[in-house]
Amino acid sequence: MAEQKKGFFHVVREKYCKGCGICVAFCPRQLLVLKNGKVFPERPEICIGCRMCEYRCPDFAIEVKPIQNETPKEKGIDSYDFSLPPEAHHG
């Protein structure tokens, strides 16, 4: 069985990041840095998931998400079905 990862990862929307550094200043673990004028999670493995960077970003340029290790089947879900019921189709 594969080793289970724990922790968090960061989604950075570079087109929204203006490099203001607010997220860097509010990170209690100091894992964020600015590189080439954009935020970069230099040490994501030490993230505690507080989401202060996400909450403080005025441009919604960063998001913190938990690392998901379970497959849908392990969670008790057999499959995903995003199809519309027949009555929803216009014809």
C-alpha atoms as a PDB file:
ATOM      1  CA  MET A   1       0.000   0.000   0.000  1.00  0.00           C
ATOM      2  CA  ALA A   2       1.263   3.477  -0.851  1.00  0.00           C
ATOM      3  CA  GLU A   3       2.364   5.768   1.942  1.00  0.00           C
ATOM      4  CA  GLN A   4      -0.403   8.164   2.954  1.00  0.00           C
ATOM      5  CA  LYS A   5       0.485  11.833   2.714  1.00  0.00           C
ATOM      6  CA  LYS A   6      -0.907  14.278   5.224  1.00  0.00           C
ATOM      7  CA  GLY A   7      -0.965  18.009   5.166  1.00  0.00           C
ATOM      8  CA  PHE A   8      -2.022  20.773   2.852  1.00  0.00           C
ATOM      9  CA  PHE A   9      -1.225  22.128  -0.569  1.00  0.00           C
ATOM     10  CA  HIS A  10      -1.561  25.619  -1.992  1.00  0.00           C
ATOM     11  CA  VAL A  11      -3.331  26.637  -5.165  1.00  0.00           C
ATOM     12  CA  VAL A  12      -1.877  29.920  -6.415  1.00  0.00           C
ATOM     13  CA  ARG A  13      -3.716  31.772  -9.157  1.00  0.00           C
ATOM     14  CA  GLU A  14      -0.782  33.676 -10.595  1.00  0.00           C
ATOM     15  CA  LYS A  15      -2.933  35.867 -12.825  1.00  0.00           C
ATOM     16  CA  TYR A  16      -4.621  37.269  -9.693  1.00  0.00           C
ATOM     17  CA  CYS A  17      -1.514  37.567  -7.513  1.00  0.00           C
ATOM     18  CA  LYS A  18      -0.157  41.117  -7.546  1.00  0.00           C
ATOM     19  CA  GLY A  19       2.755  40.315  -5.235  1.00  0.00           C
ATOM     20  CA  CYS A  20       1.577  42.515  -2.380  1.00  0.00           C
ATOM     21  CA  GLY A  21       3.043  40.154   0.239  1.00  0.00           C
ATOM     22  CA  ILE A  22       0.056  40.224   2.600  1.00  0.00           C
ATOM     23  CA  CYS A  23      -0.210  36.426   2.592  1.00  0.00           C
ATOM     24  CA  VAL A  24       3.526  36.149   3.247  1.00  0.00           C
ATOM     25  CA  ALA A  25       3.262  38.493   6.236  1.00  0.00           C
ATOM     26  CA  PHE A  26       0.289  36.669   7.794  1.00  0.00           C
ATOM     27  CA  CYS A  27       1.591  33.097   7.442  1.00  0.00           C
ATOM     28  CA  PRO A  28       2.428  31.973  11.007  1.00  0.00           C
ATOM     29  CA  ARG A  29       4.813  29.289   9.715  1.00  0.00           C
ATOM     30  CA  GLN A  30       6.604  31.653   7.288  1.00  0.00           C
ATOM     31  CA  LEU A  31       6.427  29.102   4.492  1.00  0.00           C
ATOM     32  CA  LEU A  32       5.384  31.558   1.784  1.00  0.00           C
ATOM     33  CA  VAL A  33       7.837  33.720  -0.158  1.00  0.00           C
ATOM     34  CA  LEU A  34       7.655  36.068  -3.105  1.00  0.00           C
ATOM     35  CA  LYS A  35       9.473  34.871  -6.228  1.00  0.00           C
ATOM     36  CA  ASN A  36       9.458  36.944  -9.381  1.00  0.00           C
ATOM     37  CA  GLY A  37       6.715  39.115  -7.902  1.00  0.00           C
ATOM     38  CA  LYS A  38       4.342  36.212  -7.117  1.00  0.00           C
ATOM     39  CA  VAL A  39       3.635  34.176  -3.978  1.00  0.00           C
ATOM     40  CA  PHE A  40       5.290  30.771  -3.798  1.00  0.00           C
ATOM     41  CA  PRO A  41       4.837  28.107  -1.077  1.00  0.00           C
ATOM     42  CA  GLU A  42       8.512  27.351  -0.478  1.00  0.00           C
ATOM     43  CA  ARG A  43       7.953  24.851   2.355  1.00  0.00           C
ATOM     44  CA  PRO A  44       4.366  23.536   2.011  1.00  0.00           C
ATOM     45  CA  GLU A  45       5.136  20.495   4.168  1.00  0.00           C
ATOM     46  CA  ILE A  46       5.109  22.684   7.309  1.00  0.00           C
ATOM     47  CA  CYS A  47       1.694  24.218   6.585  1.00  0.00           C
ATOM     48  CA  ILE A  48      -0.754  23.831   9.483  1.00  0.00           C
ATOM     49  CA  GLY A  49      -3.812  24.615   7.355  1.00  0.00           C
ATOM     50  CA  CYS A  50      -4.841  27.772   9.202  1.00  0.00           C
ATOM     51  CA  ARG A  51      -5.692  29.435   5.869  1.00  0.00           C
ATOM     52  CA  MET A  52      -4.579  32.876   7.081  1.00  0.00           C
ATOM     53  CA  CYS A  53      -2.950  33.465   3.697  1.00  0.00           C
ATOM     54  CA  GLU A  54      -6.214  32.616   1.948  1.00  0.00           C
ATOM     55  CA  TYR A  55      -8.353  34.747   4.273  1.00  0.00           C
ATOM     56  CA  ARG A  56      -6.062  37.783   4.032  1.00  0.00           C
ATOM     57  CA  CYS A  57      -5.457  37.789   0.273  1.00  0.00           C
ATOM     58  CA  PRO A  58      -7.452  40.720  -1.135  1.00  0.00           C
ATOM     59  CA  ASP A  59      -7.412  39.217  -4.627  1.00  0.00           C
ATOM     60  CA  PHE A  60      -8.372  35.579  -3.848  1.00  0.00           C
ATOM     61  CA  ALA A  61      -5.095  34.477  -5.416  1.00  0.00           C
ATOM     62  CA  ILE A  62      -4.244  31.689  -2.955  1.00  0.00           C
ATOM     63  CA  GLU A  63      -6.209  28.742  -1.629  1.00  0.00           C
ATOM     64  CA  VAL A  64      -5.201  26.101   0.922  1.00  0.00           C
ATOM     65  CA  LYS A  65      -6.553  22.587   0.467  1.00  0.00           C
ATOM     66  CA  PRO A  66      -6.037  19.373   2.433  1.00  0.00           C
ATOM     67  CA  ILE A  67      -4.179  16.573   0.710  1.00  0.00           C
ATOM     68  CA  GLN A  68      -6.739  13.880  -0.100  1.00  0.00           C
ATOM     69  CA  ASN A  69      -5.444  10.326   0.046  1.00  0.00           C
ATOM     70  CA  GLU A  70      -8.596   8.270   0.000  1.00  0.00           C
ATOM     71  CA  THR A  71     -10.093   7.038  -3.221  1.00  0.00           C
ATOM     72  CA  PRO A  72     -13.858   7.424  -3.681  1.00  0.00           C
ATOM     73  CA  LYS A  73     -14.274   3.682  -2.982  1.00  0.00           C
ATOM     74  CA  GLU A  74     -12.386   3.992   0.342  1.00  0.00           C
ATOM     75  CA  LYS A  75     -14.789   6.764   1.316  1.00  0.00           C
ATOM     76  CA  GLY A  76     -17.729   4.454   0.598  1.00  0.00           C
ATOM     77  CA  ILE A  77     -18.554   6.007  -2.761  1.00  0.00           C
ATOM     78  CA  ASP A  78     -18.727   3.561  -5.658  1.00  0.00           C
ATOM     79  CA  SER A  79     -18.657   6.109  -8.462  1.00  0.00           C
ATOM     80  CA  TYR A  80     -19.353   9.674  -9.408  1.00  0.00           C
ATOM     81  CA  ASP A  81     -22.296  10.381 -11.709  1.00  0.00           C
ATOM     82  CA  PHE A  82     -22.599  13.956 -12.862  1.00  0.00           C
ATOM     83  CA  SER A  83     -25.007  13.212 -15.709  1.00  0.00           C
ATOM     84  CA  LEU A  84     -28.354  14.954 -15.875  1.00  0.00           C
ATOM     85  CA  PRO A  85     -31.558  12.978 -15.474  1.00  0.00           C
ATOM     86  CA  PRO A  86     -33.452  12.403 -18.756  1.00  0.00           C
ATOM     87  CA  GLU A  87     -36.138  14.977 -17.868  1.00  0.00           C
ATOM     88  CA  ALA A  88     -33.459  17.698 -17.640  1.00  0.00           C
ATOM     89  CA  HIS A  89     -32.497  17.372 -21.305  1.00  0.00           C
ATOM     90  CA  HIS A  90     -34.155  19.794 -23.679  1.00  0.00           C
ATOM     91  CA  GLY A  91     -35.124  18.213 -26.893  1.00  0.00           C
END
